Amino acid sequence: GAAAVEILTCRASCYKEVGEYKKAVSDCSKVLDHDNSNVSVLLQRALLYESTEKYKLGVEDLRNVLKIDPGNRLAKSTL
């Protein structure tokens, strides 16, 4: 439910802070399994993919952000 999504989102941020990018991506993906239109998590995962040099996956997430939120400045400037 919503509580699990919130916990996973927070844990992904914590993993990112300590450099555990794969674990952070995994938690972001779990959140997106429940809510694939979560713009903030899509952006977070896109940036994590960029940090791990998985650029194609990051671009895919950024394009999905722009489908949901065409005016998103971060997605536009990162692409």
PDB file of N, CA and C in Angstrom:
ATOM      1  N   GLY A   1       0.819  -1.200   0.000  1.00  0.00           N
ATOM      2  CA  GLY A   1       0.000   0.000   0.000  1.00  0.00           C
ATOM      3  C   GLY A   1       0.854   1.251   0.000  1.00  0.00           C
ATOM      4  N   ALA A   2       0.200   2.328   0.343  1.00  0.00           N
ATOM      5  CA  ALA A   2       0.851   3.640   0.326  1.00  0.00           C
ATOM      6  C   ALA A   2       2.009   3.717   1.320  1.00  0.00           C
ATOM      7  N   ALA A   3       1.850   3.069   2.463  1.00  0.00           N
ATOM      8  CA  ALA A   3       2.925   3.099   3.465  1.00  0.00           C
ATOM      9  C   ALA A   3       4.177   2.402   2.942  1.00  0.00           C
ATOM     10  N   ALA A   4       3.988   1.275   2.280  1.00  0.00           N
ATOM     11  CA  ALA A   4       5.136   0.545   1.723  1.00  0.00           C
ATOM     12  C   ALA A   4       5.835   1.372   0.659  1.00  0.00           C
ATOM     13  N   VAL A   5       5.057   2.048  -0.171  1.00  0.00           N
ATOM     14  CA  VAL A   5       5.629   2.906  -1.213  1.00  0.00           C
ATOM     15  C   VAL A   5       6.461   4.020  -0.577  1.00  0.00           C
ATOM     16  N   GLU A   6       5.925   4.623   0.474  1.00  0.00           N
ATOM     17  CA  GLU A   6       6.642   5.697   1.170  1.00  0.00           C
ATOM     18  C   GLU A   6       7.945   5.186   1.789  1.00  0.00           C
ATOM     19  N   ILE A   7       7.878   4.027   2.407  1.00  0.00           N
ATOM     20  CA  ILE A   7       9.073   3.439   3.031  1.00  0.00           C
ATOM     21  C   ILE A   7      10.132   3.124   1.978  1.00  0.00           C
ATOM     22  N   LEU A   8       9.720   2.523   0.867  1.00  0.00           N
ATOM     23  CA  LEU A   8      10.668   2.187  -0.204  1.00  0.00           C
ATOM     24  C   LEU A   8      11.288   3.443  -0.804  1.00  0.00           C
ATOM     25  N   THR A   9      10.483   4.492  -0.953  1.00  0.00           N
ATOM     26  CA  THR A   9      10.983   5.746  -1.511  1.00  0.00           C
ATOM     27  C   THR A   9      12.042   6.347  -0.591  1.00  0.00           C
ATOM     28  N   CYS A  10      11.760   6.346   0.692  1.00  0.00           N
ATOM     29  CA  CYS A  10      12.724   6.873   1.669  1.00  0.00           C
ATOM     30  C   CYS A  10      13.988   6.023   1.711  1.00  0.00           C
ATOM     31  N   ARG A  11      13.810   4.705   1.685  1.00  0.00           N
ATOM     32  CA  ARG A  11      14.978   3.814   1.743  1.00  0.00           C
ATOM     33  C   ARG A  11      15.837   3.983   0.488  1.00  0.00           C
ATOM     34  N   ALA A  12      15.190   4.172  -0.667  1.00  0.00           N
ATOM     35  CA  ALA A  12      15.951   4.399  -1.903  1.00  0.00           C
ATOM     36  C   ALA A  12      16.817   5.651  -1.773  1.00  0.00           C
ATOM     37  N   SER A  13      16.260   6.694  -1.179  1.00  0.00           N
ATOM     38  CA  SER A  13      17.033   7.926  -0.971  1.00  0.00           C
ATOM     39  C   SER A  13      18.212   7.679  -0.042  1.00  0.00           C
ATOM     40  N   CYS A  14      17.990   6.888   0.997  1.00  0.00           N
ATOM     41  CA  CYS A  14      19.082   6.562   1.928  1.00  0.00           C
ATOM     42  C   CYS A  14      20.179   5.765   1.230  1.00  0.00           C
ATOM     43  N   TYR A  15      19.764   4.765   0.446  1.00  0.00           N
ATOM     44  CA  TYR A  15      20.756   3.976  -0.295  1.00  0.00           C
ATOM     45  C   TYR A  15      21.575   4.865  -1.226  1.00  0.00           C
ATOM     46  N   LYS A  16      20.894   5.799  -1.878  1.00  0.00           N
ATOM     47  CA  LYS A  16      21.586   6.707  -2.795  1.00  0.00           C
ATOM     48  C   LYS A  16      22.644   7.510  -2.042  1.00  0.00           C
ATOM     49  N   GLU A  17      22.289   7.997  -0.867  1.00  0.00           N
ATOM     50  CA  GLU A  17      23.207   8.821  -0.074  1.00  0.00           C
ATOM     51  C   GLU A  17      24.476   8.078   0.318  1.00  0.00           C
ATOM     52  N   VAL A  18      24.375   6.770   0.533  1.00  0.00           N
ATOM     53  CA  VAL A  18      25.558   6.001   0.943  1.00  0.00           C
ATOM     54  C   VAL A  18      26.216   5.271  -0.228  1.00  0.00           C
ATOM     55  N   GLY A  19      25.769   5.579  -1.446  1.00  0.00           N
ATOM     56  CA  GLY A  19      26.411   5.021  -2.630  1.00  0.00           C
ATOM     57  C   GLY A  19      25.965   3.620  -3.009  1.00  0.00           C
ATOM     58  N   GLU A  20      24.874   3.151  -2.426  1.00  0.00           N
ATOM     59  CA  GLU A  20      24.335   1.824  -2.759  1.00  0.00           C
ATOM     60  C   GLU A  20      23.333   1.974  -3.907  1.00  0.00           C
ATOM     61  N   TYR A  21      23.849   2.310  -5.089  1.00  0.00           N
ATOM     62  CA  TYR A  21      22.987   2.660  -6.217  1.00  0.00           C
ATOM     63  C   TYR A  21      22.115   1.497  -6.695  1.00  0.00           C
ATOM     64  N   LYS A  22      22.652   0.296  -6.729  1.00  0.00           N
ATOM     65  CA  LYS A  22      21.857  -0.839  -7.192  1.00  0.00           C
ATOM     66  C   LYS A  22      20.657  -1.081  -6.278  1.00  0.00           C
ATOM     67  N   LYS A  23      20.885  -0.975  -4.971  1.00  0.00           N
ATOM     68  CA  LYS A  23      19.789  -1.159  -4.012  1.00  0.00           C
ATOM     69  C   LYS A  23      18.769  -0.032  -4.152  1.00  0.00           C
ATOM     70  N   ALA A  24      19.253   1.175  -4.392  1.00  0.00           N
ATOM     71  CA  ALA A  24      18.356   2.320  -4.573  1.00  0.00           C
ATOM     72  C   ALA A  24      17.502   2.131  -5.823  1.00  0.00           C
ATOM     73  N   VAL A  25      18.121   1.676  -6.914  1.00  0.00           N
ATOM     74  CA  VAL A  25      17.375   1.412  -8.152  1.00  0.00           C
ATOM     75  C   VAL A  25      16.315   0.340  -7.911  1.00  0.00           C
ATOM     76  N   SER A  26      16.686  -0.693  -7.180  1.00  0.00           N
ATOM     77  CA  SER A  26      15.755  -1.775  -6.880  1.00  0.00           C
ATOM     78  C   SER A  26      14.530  -1.258  -6.128  1.00  0.00           C
ATOM     79  N   ASP A  27      14.747  -0.419  -5.121  1.00  0.00           N
ATOM     80  CA  ASP A  27      13.620   0.129  -4.366  1.00  0.00           C
ATOM     81  C   ASP A  27      12.773   1.058  -5.235  1.00  0.00           C
ATOM     82  N   CYS A  28      13.415   1.868  -6.066  1.00  0.00           N
ATOM     83  CA  CYS A  28      12.655   2.733  -6.979  1.00  0.00           C
ATOM     84  C   CYS A  28      11.793   1.885  -7.913  1.00  0.00           C
ATOM     85  N   SER A  29      12.354   0.806  -8.422  1.00  0.00           N
ATOM     86  CA  SER A  29      11.613  -0.072  -9.333  1.00  0.00           C
ATOM     87  C   SER A  29      10.408  -0.699  -8.628  1.00  0.00           C
ATOM     88  N   LYS A  30      10.581  -1.063  -7.358  1.00  0.00           N
ATOM     89  CA  LYS A  30       9.463  -1.630  -6.593  1.00  0.00           C
ATOM     90  C   LYS A  30       8.346  -0.602  -6.427  1.00  0.00           C
ATOM     91  N   VAL A  31       8.719   0.648  -6.166  1.00  0.00           N
ATOM     92  CA  VAL A  31       7.713   1.711  -6.056  1.00  0.00           C
ATOM     93  C   VAL A  31       6.982   1.864  -7.386  1.00  0.00           C
ATOM     94  N   LEU A  32       7.738   1.874  -8.478  1.00  0.00           N
ATOM     95  CA  LEU A  32       7.139   2.066  -9.799  1.00  0.00           C
ATOM     96  C   LEU A  32       6.277   0.887 -10.225  1.00  0.00           C
ATOM     97  N   ASP A  33       6.526  -0.294  -9.655  1.00  0.00           N
ATOM     98  CA  ASP A  33       5.635  -1.434  -9.898  1.00  0.00           C
ATOM     99  C   ASP A  33       4.233  -1.149  -9.363  1.00  0.00           C
ATOM    100  N   HIS A  34       4.166  -0.373  -8.281  1.00  0.00           N
ATOM    101  CA  HIS A  34       2.876  -0.013  -7.675  1.00  0.00           C
ATOM    102  C   HIS A  34       2.285   1.237  -8.302  1.00  0.00           C
ATOM    103  N   ASP A  35       3.155   2.151  -8.740  1.00  0.00           N
ATOM    104  CA  ASP A  35       2.706   3.454  -9.253  1.00  0.00           C
ATOM    105  C   ASP A  35       3.686   3.914 -10.330  1.00  0.00           C
ATOM    106  N   ASN A  36       3.417   3.504 -11.561  1.00  0.00           N
ATOM    107  CA  ASN A  36       4.374   3.788 -12.641  1.00  0.00           C
ATOM    108  C   ASN A  36       4.332   5.236 -13.128  1.00  0.00           C
ATOM    109  N   SER A  37       3.482   6.056 -12.528  1.00  0.00           N
ATOM    110  CA  SER A  37       3.438   7.469 -12.915  1.00  0.00           C
ATOM    111  C   SER A  37       3.987   8.380 -11.811  1.00  0.00           C
ATOM    112  N   ASN A  38       4.764   7.817 -10.898  1.00  0.00           N
ATOM    113  CA  ASN A  38       5.361   8.590  -9.817  1.00  0.00           C
ATOM    114  C   ASN A  38       6.576   9.343 -10.361  1.00  0.00           C
ATOM    115  N   VAL A  39       6.359  10.611 -10.690  1.00  0.00           N
ATOM    116  CA  VAL A  39       7.381  11.414 -11.367  1.00  0.00           C
ATOM    117  C   VAL A  39       8.653  11.539 -10.532  1.00  0.00           C
ATOM    118  N   SER A  40       8.517  11.774  -9.238  1.00  0.00           N
ATOM    119  CA  SER A  40       9.723  11.973  -8.432  1.00  0.00           C
ATOM    120  C   SER A  40      10.576  10.709  -8.374  1.00  0.00           C
ATOM    121  N   VAL A  41       9.932   9.545  -8.314  1.00  0.00           N
ATOM    122  CA  VAL A  41      10.691   8.289  -8.272  1.00  0.00           C
ATOM    123  C   VAL A  41      11.281   7.972  -9.649  1.00  0.00           C
ATOM    124  N   LEU A  42      10.543   8.273 -10.709  1.00  0.00           N
ATOM    125  CA  LEU A  42      11.094   8.096 -12.063  1.00  0.00           C
ATOM    126  C   LEU A  42      12.338   8.965 -12.240  1.00  0.00           C
ATOM    127  N   LEU A  43      12.271  10.204 -11.780  1.00  0.00           N
ATOM    128  CA  LEU A  43      13.433  11.096 -11.881  1.00  0.00           C
ATOM    129  C   LEU A  43      14.600  10.570 -11.051  1.00  0.00           C
ATOM    130  N   GLN A  44      14.294  10.119  -9.846  1.00  0.00           N
ATOM    131  CA  GLN A  44      15.350   9.597  -8.982  1.00  0.00           C
ATOM    132  C   GLN A  44      16.020   8.394  -9.628  1.00  0.00           C
ATOM    133  N   ARG A  45      15.206   7.484 -10.183  1.00  0.00           N
ATOM    134  CA  ARG A  45      15.789   6.292 -10.805  1.00  0.00           C
ATOM    135  C   ARG A  45      16.582   6.674 -12.057  1.00  0.00           C
ATOM    136  N   ALA A  46      16.096   7.632 -12.821  1.00  0.00           N
ATOM    137  CA  ALA A  46      16.829   8.077 -14.009  1.00  0.00           C
ATOM    138  C   ALA A  46      18.219   8.583 -13.635  1.00  0.00           C
ATOM    139  N   LEU A  47      18.284   9.371 -12.571  1.00  0.00           N
ATOM    140  CA  LEU A  47      19.574   9.910 -12.137  1.00  0.00           C
ATOM    141  C   LEU A  47      20.476   8.820 -11.564  1.00  0.00           C
ATOM    142  N   LEU A  48      19.861   7.842 -10.914  1.00  0.00           N
ATOM    143  CA  LEU A  48      20.645   6.700 -10.430  1.00  0.00           C
ATOM    144  C   LEU A  48      21.215   5.900 -11.599  1.00  0.00           C
ATOM    145  N   TYR A  49      20.398   5.694 -12.621  1.00  0.00           N
ATOM    146  CA  TYR A  49      20.902   4.990 -13.812  1.00  0.00           C
ATOM    147  C   TYR A  49      22.071   5.759 -14.420  1.00  0.00           C
ATOM    148  N   GLU A  50      21.950   7.080 -14.452  1.00  0.00           N
ATOM    149  CA  GLU A  50      23.034   7.894 -14.992  1.00  0.00           C
ATOM    150  C   GLU A  50      24.305   7.701 -14.155  1.00  0.00           C
ATOM    151  N   SER A  51      24.142   7.636 -12.840  1.00  0.00           N
ATOM    152  CA  SER A  51      25.291   7.456 -11.942  1.00  0.00           C
ATOM    153  C   SER A  51      25.968   6.105 -12.141  1.00  0.00           C
ATOM    154  N   THR A  52      25.203   5.120 -12.623  1.00  0.00           N
ATOM    155  CA  THR A  52      25.768   3.783 -12.841  1.00  0.00           C
ATOM    156  C   THR A  52      26.035   3.522 -14.324  1.00  0.00           C
ATOM    157  N   GLU A  53      26.027   4.593 -15.116  1.00  0.00           N
ATOM    158  CA  GLU A  53      26.327   4.552 -16.549  1.00  0.00           C
ATOM    159  C   GLU A  53      25.357   3.671 -17.337  1.00  0.00           C
ATOM    160  N   LYS A  54      24.127   3.570 -16.874  1.00  0.00           N
ATOM    161  CA  LYS A  54      23.072   2.866 -17.620  1.00  0.00           C
ATOM    162  C   LYS A  54      22.204   3.937 -18.280  1.00  0.00           C
ATOM    163  N   TYR A  55      22.815   4.611 -19.236  1.00  0.00           N
ATOM    164  CA  TYR A  55      22.209   5.809 -19.812  1.00  0.00           C
ATOM    165  C   TYR A  55      20.897   5.539 -20.551  1.00  0.00           C
ATOM    166  N   LYS A  56      20.823   4.427 -21.287  1.00  0.00           N
ATOM    167  CA  LYS A  56      19.597   4.132 -22.041  1.00  0.00           C
ATOM    168  C   LYS A  56      18.402   3.984 -21.106  1.00  0.00           C
ATOM    169  N   LEU A  57      18.619   3.309 -19.976  1.00  0.00           N
ATOM    170  CA  LEU A  57      17.537   3.134 -19.007  1.00  0.00           C
ATOM    171  C   LEU A  57      17.147   4.477 -18.390  1.00  0.00           C
ATOM    172  N   GLY A  58      18.129   5.308 -18.131  1.00  0.00           N
ATOM    173  CA  GLY A  58      17.856   6.637 -17.591  1.00  0.00           C
ATOM    174  C   GLY A  58      17.058   7.483 -18.559  1.00  0.00           C
ATOM    175  N   VAL A  59      17.430   7.438 -19.820  1.00  0.00           N
ATOM    176  CA  VAL A  59      16.718   8.204 -20.851  1.00  0.00           C
ATOM    177  C   VAL A  59      15.275   7.716 -20.956  1.00  0.00           C
ATOM    178  N   GLU A  60      15.078   6.407 -20.866  1.00  0.00           N
ATOM    179  CA  GLU A  60      13.729   5.847 -20.922  1.00  0.00           C
ATOM    180  C   GLU A  60      12.870   6.398 -19.772  1.00  0.00           C
ATOM    181  N   ASP A  61      13.431   6.442 -18.564  1.00  0.00           N
ATOM    182  CA  ASP A  61      12.695   6.997 -17.428  1.00  0.00           C
ATOM    183  C   ASP A  61      12.401   8.480 -17.641  1.00  0.00           C
ATOM    184  N   LEU A  62      13.368   9.228 -18.146  1.00  0.00           N
ATOM    185  CA  LEU A  62      13.159  10.657 -18.377  1.00  0.00           C
ATOM    186  C   LEU A  62      12.073  10.887 -19.422  1.00  0.00           C
ATOM    187  N   ARG A  63      12.050  10.064 -20.452  1.00  0.00           N
ATOM    188  CA  ARG A  63      10.989  10.192 -21.466  1.00  0.00           C
ATOM    189  C   ARG A  63       9.621   9.875 -20.864  1.00  0.00           C
ATOM    190  N   ASN A  64       9.578   8.898 -19.963  1.00  0.00           N
ATOM    191  CA  ASN A  64       8.317   8.595 -19.281  1.00  0.00           C
ATOM    192  C   ASN A  64       7.871   9.762 -18.405  1.00  0.00           C
ATOM    193  N   VAL A  65       8.813  10.423 -17.756  1.00  0.00           N
ATOM    194  CA  VAL A  65       8.477  11.614 -16.971  1.00  0.00           C
ATOM    195  C   VAL A  65       7.831  12.655 -17.872  1.00  0.00           C
ATOM    196  N   LEU A  66       8.419  12.876 -19.046  1.00  0.00           N
ATOM    197  CA  LEU A  66       7.894  13.908 -19.944  1.00  0.00           C
ATOM    198  C   LEU A  66       6.531  13.540 -20.533  1.00  0.00           C
ATOM    199  N   LYS A  67       6.229  12.246 -20.631  1.00  0.00           N
ATOM    200  CA  LYS A  67       4.883  11.834 -21.056  1.00  0.00           C
ATOM    201  C   LYS A  67       3.858  12.208 -19.996  1.00  0.00           C
ATOM    202  N   ILE A  68       4.260  12.068 -18.729  1.00  0.00           N
ATOM    203  CA  ILE A  68       3.363  12.359 -17.605  1.00  0.00           C
ATOM    204  C   ILE A  68       3.311  13.856 -17.328  1.00  0.00           C
ATOM    205  N   ASP A  69       4.477  14.491 -17.382  1.00  0.00           N
ATOM    206  CA  ASP A  69       4.625  15.904 -17.032  1.00  0.00           C
ATOM    207  C   ASP A  69       5.482  16.589 -18.097  1.00  0.00           C
ATOM    208  N   PRO A  70       4.847  16.974 -19.231  1.00  0.00           N
ATOM    209  CA  PRO A  70       5.609  17.520 -20.365  1.00  0.00           C
ATOM    210  C   PRO A  70       6.436  18.764 -20.045  1.00  0.00           C
ATOM    211  N   GLY A  71       6.107  19.473 -18.991  1.00  0.00           N
ATOM    212  CA  GLY A  71       6.845  20.683 -18.658  1.00  0.00           C
ATOM    213  C   GLY A  71       7.931  20.478 -17.619  1.00  0.00           C
ATOM    214  N   ASN A  72       8.216  19.240 -17.260  1.00  0.00           N
ATOM    215  CA  ASN A  72       9.183  18.975 -16.195  1.00  0.00           C
ATOM    216  C   ASN A  72      10.576  19.467 -16.592  1.00  0.00           C
ATOM    217  N   ARG A  73      11.048  20.470 -15.876  1.00  0.00           N
ATOM    218  CA  ARG A  73      12.325  21.112 -16.227  1.00  0.00           C
ATOM    219  C   ARG A  73      13.527  20.198 -16.012  1.00  0.00           C
ATOM    220  N   LEU A  74      13.514  19.441 -14.919  1.00  0.00           N
ATOM    221  CA  LEU A  74      14.661  18.568 -14.642  1.00  0.00           C
ATOM    222  C   LEU A  74      14.800  17.505 -15.726  1.00  0.00           C
ATOM    223  N   ALA A  75      13.686  16.907 -16.111  1.00  0.00           N
ATOM    224  CA  ALA A  75      13.736  15.886 -17.164  1.00  0.00           C
ATOM    225  C   ALA A  75      14.217  16.496 -18.476  1.00  0.00           C
ATOM    226  N   LYS A  76      13.700  17.669 -18.814  1.00  0.00           N
ATOM    227  CA  LYS A  76      14.111  18.324 -20.062  1.00  0.00           C
ATOM    228  C   LYS A  76      15.594  18.673 -20.055  1.00  0.00           C
ATOM    229  N   SER A  77      16.064  19.221 -18.933  1.00  0.00           N
ATOM    230  CA  SER A  77      17.462  19.656 -18.893  1.00  0.00           C
ATOM    231  C   SER A  77      18.426  18.474 -18.818  1.00  0.00           C
ATOM    232  N   THR A  78      17.971  17.346 -18.278  1.00  0.00           N
ATOM    233  CA  THR A  78      18.840  16.176 -18.176  1.00  0.00           C
ATOM    234  C   THR A  78      18.943  15.449 -19.503  1.00  0.00           C
ATOM    235  N   LEU A  79      17.837  15.440 -20.257  1.00  0.00           N
ATOM    236  CA  LEU A  79      17.878  14.810 -21.579  1.00  0.00           C
ATOM    237  C   LEU A  79      18.724  15.673 -22.475  1.00  0.00           C
TER     238      LEU A  79
END
